[in-house]
N, C-alpha and C. Protein backbone atom coordinates (compact mmCIF):
# COMPACT_ATOMS: atom_id res chain seq x y z
N MET A 1 -58.23 54.61 -72.86
CA MET A 1 -59.31 53.81 -73.42
C MET A 1 -59.55 52.64 -72.46
N ASN A 2 -60.80 52.47 -72.03
CA ASN A 2 -61.09 51.39 -71.10
C ASN A 2 -61.35 50.08 -71.86
N VAL A 3 -61.47 49.01 -71.12
CA VAL A 3 -61.62 47.68 -71.71
C VAL A 3 -62.90 47.58 -72.55
N ARG A 4 -63.97 48.16 -72.07
CA ARG A 4 -65.24 48.12 -72.80
C ARG A 4 -65.06 48.78 -74.18
N ASP A 5 -64.37 49.92 -74.22
CA ASP A 5 -64.13 50.60 -75.49
C ASP A 5 -63.28 49.74 -76.43
N LYS A 6 -62.28 49.07 -75.87
CA LYS A 6 -61.43 48.21 -76.68
C LYS A 6 -62.23 47.07 -77.30
N ILE A 7 -63.09 46.46 -76.51
CA ILE A 7 -63.91 45.36 -77.03
C ILE A 7 -64.87 45.89 -78.09
N GLN A 8 -65.40 47.08 -77.89
CA GLN A 8 -66.29 47.66 -78.90
C GLN A 8 -65.55 47.91 -80.21
N VAL A 9 -64.29 48.34 -80.13
CA VAL A 9 -63.48 48.53 -81.34
C VAL A 9 -63.32 47.20 -82.06
N ILE A 10 -63.09 46.13 -81.31
CA ILE A 10 -62.96 44.80 -81.92
C ILE A 10 -64.25 44.41 -82.61
N ILE A 11 -65.37 44.62 -81.94
CA ILE A 11 -66.68 44.28 -82.51
C ILE A 11 -66.92 45.05 -83.80
N ASP A 12 -66.53 46.32 -83.80
CA ASP A 12 -66.76 47.18 -84.96
C ASP A 12 -65.70 47.02 -86.05
N SER A 13 -64.63 46.30 -85.74
CA SER A 13 -63.54 46.17 -86.72
C SER A 13 -63.95 45.28 -87.89
N GLY A 14 -63.18 45.35 -88.94
CA GLY A 14 -63.42 44.51 -90.10
C GLY A 14 -62.78 43.13 -89.98
N ASP A 15 -62.15 42.86 -88.85
CA ASP A 15 -61.52 41.55 -88.65
C ASP A 15 -62.59 40.48 -88.55
N SER A 16 -62.35 39.37 -89.22
CA SER A 16 -63.34 38.30 -89.19
C SER A 16 -63.38 37.63 -87.82
N ALA A 17 -64.53 37.11 -87.49
CA ALA A 17 -64.68 36.39 -86.22
C ALA A 17 -63.74 35.19 -86.19
N TYR A 18 -63.53 34.57 -87.35
CA TYR A 18 -62.61 33.42 -87.43
C TYR A 18 -61.18 33.87 -87.10
N GLN A 19 -60.76 35.00 -87.68
CA GLN A 19 -59.41 35.51 -87.43
C GLN A 19 -59.23 35.81 -85.94
N ILE A 20 -60.21 36.43 -85.35
CA ILE A 20 -60.13 36.75 -83.92
C ILE A 20 -60.05 35.47 -83.10
N GLN A 21 -60.83 34.46 -83.49
CA GLN A 21 -60.79 33.17 -82.80
C GLN A 21 -59.40 32.54 -82.90
N GLN A 22 -58.82 32.58 -84.10
CA GLN A 22 -57.51 31.97 -84.30
C GLN A 22 -56.43 32.64 -83.44
N LEU A 23 -56.54 33.93 -83.25
CA LEU A 23 -55.51 34.67 -82.52
C LEU A 23 -55.76 34.78 -81.02
N THR A 24 -57.01 34.55 -80.60
CA THR A 24 -57.32 34.72 -79.18
C THR A 24 -57.78 33.45 -78.49
N GLY A 25 -58.37 32.55 -79.25
CA GLY A 25 -58.97 31.37 -78.63
C GLY A 25 -60.41 31.61 -78.22
N VAL A 26 -60.90 32.84 -78.42
CA VAL A 26 -62.30 33.15 -78.13
C VAL A 26 -63.13 32.62 -79.28
N ASN A 27 -64.12 31.82 -78.98
CA ASN A 27 -64.95 31.20 -80.02
C ASN A 27 -65.57 32.27 -80.92
N SER A 28 -65.52 32.02 -82.22
CA SER A 28 -66.05 32.98 -83.19
C SER A 28 -67.53 33.27 -82.97
N SER A 29 -68.25 32.29 -82.42
CA SER A 29 -69.68 32.52 -82.17
C SER A 29 -69.90 33.62 -81.14
N VAL A 30 -68.98 33.77 -80.21
CA VAL A 30 -69.08 34.85 -79.21
C VAL A 30 -68.96 36.20 -79.92
N ILE A 31 -68.01 36.32 -80.83
CA ILE A 31 -67.81 37.57 -81.58
C ILE A 31 -69.04 37.86 -82.44
N ILE A 32 -69.54 36.84 -83.10
CA ILE A 32 -70.72 37.01 -83.96
C ILE A 32 -71.93 37.46 -83.15
N ARG A 33 -72.13 36.84 -81.98
CA ARG A 33 -73.27 37.23 -81.13
C ARG A 33 -73.12 38.66 -80.61
N LEU A 34 -71.89 39.06 -80.31
CA LEU A 34 -71.66 40.45 -79.89
C LEU A 34 -71.98 41.40 -81.03
N ARG A 35 -71.56 41.05 -82.23
CA ARG A 35 -71.80 41.90 -83.39
C ARG A 35 -73.28 41.99 -83.75
N ASN A 36 -74.01 40.93 -83.50
CA ASN A 36 -75.45 40.91 -83.80
C ASN A 36 -76.29 41.39 -82.63
N ASN A 37 -75.65 41.88 -81.59
CA ASN A 37 -76.33 42.35 -80.37
C ASN A 37 -77.15 41.26 -79.70
N ASN A 38 -76.73 40.01 -79.87
CA ASN A 38 -77.38 38.90 -79.18
C ASN A 38 -76.68 38.58 -77.86
N ARG A 39 -75.58 39.26 -77.61
CA ARG A 39 -74.84 39.06 -76.37
C ARG A 39 -74.26 40.41 -75.96
N SER A 40 -74.19 40.64 -74.65
CA SER A 40 -73.69 41.90 -74.12
C SER A 40 -72.24 41.75 -73.66
N ILE A 41 -71.50 42.81 -73.80
CA ILE A 41 -70.13 42.83 -73.29
C ILE A 41 -70.13 42.57 -71.79
N ASP A 42 -71.17 43.00 -71.10
CA ASP A 42 -71.28 42.81 -69.65
C ASP A 42 -71.31 41.34 -69.24
N ASN A 43 -71.71 40.46 -70.16
CA ASN A 43 -71.85 39.04 -69.82
C ASN A 43 -70.64 38.20 -70.23
N LEU A 44 -69.56 38.84 -70.65
CA LEU A 44 -68.36 38.09 -71.02
C LEU A 44 -67.60 37.68 -69.77
N SER A 45 -66.97 36.53 -69.84
CA SER A 45 -66.15 36.09 -68.70
C SER A 45 -64.88 36.93 -68.64
N LEU A 46 -64.27 36.97 -67.49
CA LEU A 46 -63.04 37.72 -67.31
C LEU A 46 -61.95 37.20 -68.26
N LYS A 47 -61.87 35.91 -68.41
CA LYS A 47 -60.87 35.31 -69.30
C LYS A 47 -61.08 35.77 -70.74
N THR A 48 -62.33 35.81 -71.20
CA THR A 48 -62.63 36.28 -72.55
C THR A 48 -62.28 37.75 -72.70
N VAL A 49 -62.61 38.55 -71.71
CA VAL A 49 -62.30 39.98 -71.74
C VAL A 49 -60.78 40.18 -71.83
N GLU A 50 -60.03 39.42 -71.04
CA GLU A 50 -58.57 39.54 -71.06
C GLU A 50 -58.00 39.18 -72.43
N LYS A 51 -58.52 38.12 -73.02
CA LYS A 51 -58.04 37.70 -74.34
C LYS A 51 -58.36 38.75 -75.40
N LEU A 52 -59.56 39.31 -75.34
CA LEU A 52 -59.93 40.33 -76.31
C LEU A 52 -59.14 41.62 -76.10
N GLU A 53 -58.89 41.96 -74.86
CA GLU A 53 -58.08 43.16 -74.60
C GLU A 53 -56.68 42.98 -75.16
N GLN A 54 -56.11 41.81 -74.97
CA GLN A 54 -54.78 41.53 -75.51
C GLN A 54 -54.79 41.59 -77.04
N TYR A 55 -55.85 41.09 -77.65
CA TYR A 55 -55.99 41.16 -79.11
C TYR A 55 -56.00 42.61 -79.55
N TYR A 56 -56.77 43.43 -78.86
CA TYR A 56 -56.80 44.86 -79.19
C TYR A 56 -55.41 45.46 -79.06
N ASP A 57 -54.74 45.20 -77.93
CA ASP A 57 -53.44 45.79 -77.65
C ASP A 57 -52.41 45.44 -78.72
N TYR A 58 -52.46 44.22 -79.23
CA TYR A 58 -51.45 43.78 -80.19
C TYR A 58 -51.84 43.95 -81.65
N HIS A 59 -53.13 44.05 -81.94
CA HIS A 59 -53.55 44.06 -83.34
C HIS A 59 -54.33 45.30 -83.78
N LEU A 60 -54.97 45.98 -82.86
CA LEU A 60 -55.82 47.10 -83.26
C LEU A 60 -55.43 48.44 -82.67
N SER A 61 -54.58 48.45 -81.65
CA SER A 61 -54.29 49.71 -80.96
C SER A 61 -53.64 50.74 -81.88
N ALA A 62 -52.85 50.30 -82.85
CA ALA A 62 -52.21 51.27 -83.76
C ALA A 62 -53.25 51.94 -84.65
N LYS A 63 -54.32 51.22 -85.00
CA LYS A 63 -55.38 51.78 -85.85
C LYS A 63 -56.33 52.68 -85.06
N HIS A 64 -56.45 52.43 -83.75
CA HIS A 64 -57.36 53.18 -82.89
C HIS A 64 -56.62 53.61 -81.63
N PRO A 65 -55.65 54.50 -81.77
CA PRO A 65 -54.80 54.82 -80.61
C PRO A 65 -55.53 55.63 -79.54
N ALA A 66 -55.06 55.41 -78.34
CA ALA A 66 -55.51 56.24 -77.22
C ALA A 66 -54.72 57.54 -77.30
N PRO A 67 -55.05 58.52 -76.48
CA PRO A 67 -54.23 59.73 -76.45
C PRO A 67 -52.76 59.36 -76.24
N LYS A 68 -51.85 60.10 -76.85
CA LYS A 68 -50.44 59.72 -76.92
C LYS A 68 -49.83 59.39 -75.57
N ASP A 69 -50.01 60.22 -74.57
CA ASP A 69 -49.38 59.96 -73.28
C ASP A 69 -49.94 58.71 -72.61
N VAL A 70 -51.22 58.46 -72.74
CA VAL A 70 -51.84 57.27 -72.16
C VAL A 70 -51.32 56.03 -72.88
N HIS A 71 -51.23 56.10 -74.20
CA HIS A 71 -50.78 54.96 -74.99
C HIS A 71 -49.34 54.61 -74.66
N LEU A 72 -48.46 55.61 -74.56
CA LEU A 72 -47.06 55.38 -74.26
C LEU A 72 -46.91 54.81 -72.85
N SER A 73 -47.66 55.35 -71.90
CA SER A 73 -47.60 54.85 -70.53
C SER A 73 -48.02 53.38 -70.48
N HIS A 74 -49.08 53.05 -71.20
CA HIS A 74 -49.54 51.67 -71.25
C HIS A 74 -48.48 50.77 -71.88
N PHE A 75 -47.86 51.25 -72.95
CA PHE A 75 -46.82 50.48 -73.62
C PHE A 75 -45.65 50.21 -72.68
N ARG A 76 -45.21 51.24 -71.96
CA ARG A 76 -44.11 51.07 -71.01
C ARG A 76 -44.46 50.03 -69.96
N HIS A 77 -45.67 50.14 -69.44
CA HIS A 77 -46.12 49.20 -68.40
C HIS A 77 -46.11 47.77 -68.93
N ARG A 78 -46.65 47.56 -70.14
CA ARG A 78 -46.68 46.22 -70.74
C ARG A 78 -45.27 45.72 -71.01
N LEU A 79 -44.39 46.58 -71.51
CA LEU A 79 -43.02 46.19 -71.80
C LEU A 79 -42.30 45.75 -70.53
N ILE A 80 -42.47 46.50 -69.47
CA ILE A 80 -41.84 46.13 -68.21
C ILE A 80 -42.36 44.79 -67.71
N ASN A 81 -43.65 44.57 -67.81
CA ASN A 81 -44.23 43.29 -67.38
C ASN A 81 -43.71 42.13 -68.22
N VAL A 82 -43.64 42.31 -69.52
CA VAL A 82 -43.16 41.24 -70.41
C VAL A 82 -41.69 40.94 -70.12
N LEU A 83 -40.88 41.97 -69.97
CA LEU A 83 -39.47 41.75 -69.65
C LEU A 83 -39.30 41.05 -68.31
N GLN A 84 -40.12 41.41 -67.34
CA GLN A 84 -40.05 40.76 -66.03
C GLN A 84 -40.36 39.26 -66.16
N GLU A 85 -41.42 38.94 -66.90
CA GLU A 85 -41.79 37.54 -67.10
C GLU A 85 -40.69 36.79 -67.85
N LEU A 86 -40.14 37.42 -68.87
CA LEU A 86 -39.07 36.80 -69.65
C LEU A 86 -37.85 36.55 -68.79
N TYR A 87 -37.50 37.51 -67.97
CA TYR A 87 -36.35 37.36 -67.08
C TYR A 87 -36.57 36.21 -66.09
N GLU A 88 -37.75 36.15 -65.50
CA GLU A 88 -38.04 35.08 -64.54
C GLU A 88 -37.98 33.71 -65.21
N PHE A 89 -38.51 33.62 -66.43
CA PHE A 89 -38.46 32.37 -67.18
C PHE A 89 -37.00 31.98 -67.46
N GLN A 90 -36.20 32.96 -67.87
CA GLN A 90 -34.80 32.69 -68.19
C GLN A 90 -34.04 32.28 -66.93
N GLN A 91 -34.34 32.91 -65.80
CA GLN A 91 -33.67 32.54 -64.55
C GLN A 91 -33.96 31.09 -64.17
N GLU A 92 -35.19 30.64 -64.40
CA GLU A 92 -35.53 29.25 -64.12
C GLU A 92 -34.68 28.32 -64.98
N LYS A 93 -34.45 28.69 -66.24
CA LYS A 93 -33.62 27.87 -67.12
C LYS A 93 -32.17 27.86 -66.63
N VAL A 94 -31.68 29.00 -66.15
CA VAL A 94 -30.30 29.10 -65.67
C VAL A 94 -30.10 28.22 -64.44
N GLU A 95 -31.12 28.15 -63.59
CA GLU A 95 -31.00 27.42 -62.34
C GLU A 95 -31.06 25.90 -62.52
N GLN A 96 -31.37 25.44 -63.72
CA GLN A 96 -31.36 24.00 -63.98
C GLN A 96 -29.92 23.50 -63.88
N VAL A 97 -29.76 22.27 -63.45
CA VAL A 97 -28.44 21.71 -63.17
C VAL A 97 -27.53 21.72 -64.41
N ALA A 98 -28.03 21.31 -65.55
CA ALA A 98 -27.21 21.19 -66.75
C ALA A 98 -27.46 22.34 -67.74
N ALA A 99 -27.68 23.53 -67.22
CA ALA A 99 -27.97 24.67 -68.11
C ALA A 99 -26.71 25.07 -68.87
N PRO A 100 -26.82 25.25 -70.19
CA PRO A 100 -25.66 25.70 -70.98
C PRO A 100 -25.22 27.11 -70.56
N ASP A 101 -23.96 27.45 -70.82
CA ASP A 101 -23.41 28.76 -70.44
C ASP A 101 -24.16 29.91 -71.08
N ASP A 102 -24.66 29.71 -72.30
CA ASP A 102 -25.34 30.82 -72.98
C ASP A 102 -26.66 31.18 -72.31
N GLU A 103 -27.22 30.30 -71.49
CA GLU A 103 -28.45 30.63 -70.77
C GLU A 103 -28.18 31.74 -69.76
N GLN A 104 -27.04 31.68 -69.10
CA GLN A 104 -26.66 32.73 -68.15
C GLN A 104 -26.44 34.05 -68.88
N ALA A 105 -25.80 34.00 -70.04
CA ALA A 105 -25.57 35.21 -70.83
C ALA A 105 -26.90 35.82 -71.27
N MET A 106 -27.84 34.96 -71.67
CA MET A 106 -29.15 35.44 -72.09
C MET A 106 -29.88 36.12 -70.93
N ALA A 107 -29.79 35.54 -69.75
CA ALA A 107 -30.41 36.14 -68.57
C ALA A 107 -29.80 37.51 -68.28
N ALA A 108 -28.49 37.63 -68.44
CA ALA A 108 -27.82 38.91 -68.21
C ALA A 108 -28.28 39.97 -69.22
N VAL A 109 -28.44 39.57 -70.47
CA VAL A 109 -28.91 40.50 -71.50
C VAL A 109 -30.32 40.98 -71.19
N ILE A 110 -31.20 40.05 -70.82
CA ILE A 110 -32.58 40.41 -70.49
C ILE A 110 -32.61 41.34 -69.29
N GLU A 111 -31.79 41.04 -68.28
CA GLU A 111 -31.74 41.89 -67.09
C GLU A 111 -31.26 43.30 -67.45
N GLN A 112 -30.26 43.40 -68.31
CA GLN A 112 -29.76 44.71 -68.72
C GLN A 112 -30.83 45.50 -69.49
N LEU A 113 -31.54 44.81 -70.38
CA LEU A 113 -32.61 45.45 -71.14
C LEU A 113 -33.70 45.95 -70.20
N PHE A 114 -34.07 45.12 -69.24
CA PHE A 114 -35.07 45.49 -68.24
C PHE A 114 -34.62 46.75 -67.47
N ASN A 115 -33.36 46.75 -67.04
CA ASN A 115 -32.83 47.90 -66.31
C ASN A 115 -32.80 49.15 -67.18
N ASP A 116 -32.45 49.00 -68.46
CA ASP A 116 -32.44 50.14 -69.39
C ASP A 116 -33.83 50.73 -69.55
N VAL A 117 -34.83 49.88 -69.67
CA VAL A 117 -36.20 50.37 -69.83
C VAL A 117 -36.63 51.12 -68.58
N LEU A 118 -36.32 50.58 -67.41
CA LEU A 118 -36.67 51.27 -66.16
C LEU A 118 -35.94 52.60 -66.05
N ALA A 119 -34.66 52.62 -66.41
CA ALA A 119 -33.88 53.86 -66.35
C ALA A 119 -34.45 54.89 -67.33
N ASP A 120 -34.83 54.45 -68.53
CA ASP A 120 -35.43 55.36 -69.51
C ASP A 120 -36.73 55.94 -68.98
N GLN A 121 -37.53 55.10 -68.34
CA GLN A 121 -38.81 55.58 -67.80
C GLN A 121 -38.55 56.64 -66.73
N LEU A 122 -37.58 56.41 -65.86
CA LEU A 122 -37.27 57.39 -64.82
C LEU A 122 -36.75 58.69 -65.43
N GLU A 123 -35.93 58.57 -66.48
CA GLU A 123 -35.40 59.75 -67.15
C GLU A 123 -36.51 60.55 -67.82
N ILE A 124 -37.43 59.86 -68.45
CA ILE A 124 -38.57 60.53 -69.10
C ILE A 124 -39.41 61.25 -68.05
N GLU A 125 -39.71 60.58 -66.94
CA GLU A 125 -40.50 61.21 -65.88
C GLU A 125 -39.78 62.44 -65.31
N LYS A 126 -38.46 62.35 -65.14
CA LYS A 126 -37.67 63.47 -64.64
C LYS A 126 -37.74 64.64 -65.63
N ASN A 127 -37.58 64.35 -66.92
CA ASN A 127 -37.65 65.40 -67.94
C ASN A 127 -39.03 66.03 -68.01
N GLU A 128 -40.08 65.22 -67.87
CA GLU A 128 -41.44 65.76 -67.88
C GLU A 128 -41.66 66.69 -66.70
N THR A 129 -41.14 66.32 -65.54
CA THR A 129 -41.25 67.16 -64.35
C THR A 129 -40.51 68.48 -64.56
N ASN A 130 -39.30 68.41 -65.11
CA ASN A 130 -38.53 69.62 -65.38
C ASN A 130 -39.25 70.52 -66.38
N LEU A 131 -39.81 69.93 -67.39
CA LEU A 131 -40.54 70.70 -68.41
C LEU A 131 -41.75 71.39 -67.80
N GLN A 132 -42.49 70.67 -66.96
CA GLN A 132 -43.66 71.26 -66.31
C GLN A 132 -43.26 72.44 -65.41
N SER A 133 -42.15 72.29 -64.70
CA SER A 133 -41.71 73.38 -63.81
C SER A 133 -41.25 74.60 -64.64
N GLU A 134 -40.67 74.35 -65.81
CA GLU A 134 -40.27 75.45 -66.69
C GLU A 134 -41.48 76.16 -67.27
N VAL A 135 -42.50 75.40 -67.61
CA VAL A 135 -43.72 75.97 -68.18
C VAL A 135 -44.43 76.82 -67.15
N ASN A 136 -44.48 76.34 -65.91
CA ASN A 136 -45.15 77.06 -64.83
C ASN A 136 -44.31 78.22 -64.40
């Protein structure tokens, strides 16, 4: 599902413009104008598009799923990115002079989780390749 489709799902959803504003920071008037066809998706700023895409990903994707393999791939990609950001943030806390000992432990846990997700992704890809070769 491309970004334009995601934004169209948001426009067509029953979610109030106020609710969308509260969760995204996108002014409710933008949503209302999109719904009334007074504004085009083509004229949205990149920042607005990113916020609306994130809203779709976290609040509407379960109701309007993409094909299973595409959705799972997207989820894995997002999970890896979030874990990477979390790990980098935690490392900055660890590198502070007076960082408590538990900050280092937390960084180690996040790193292990990140590695587990990457290992799972590689295992899944390996199994998919084996399955395809068996089918052929």
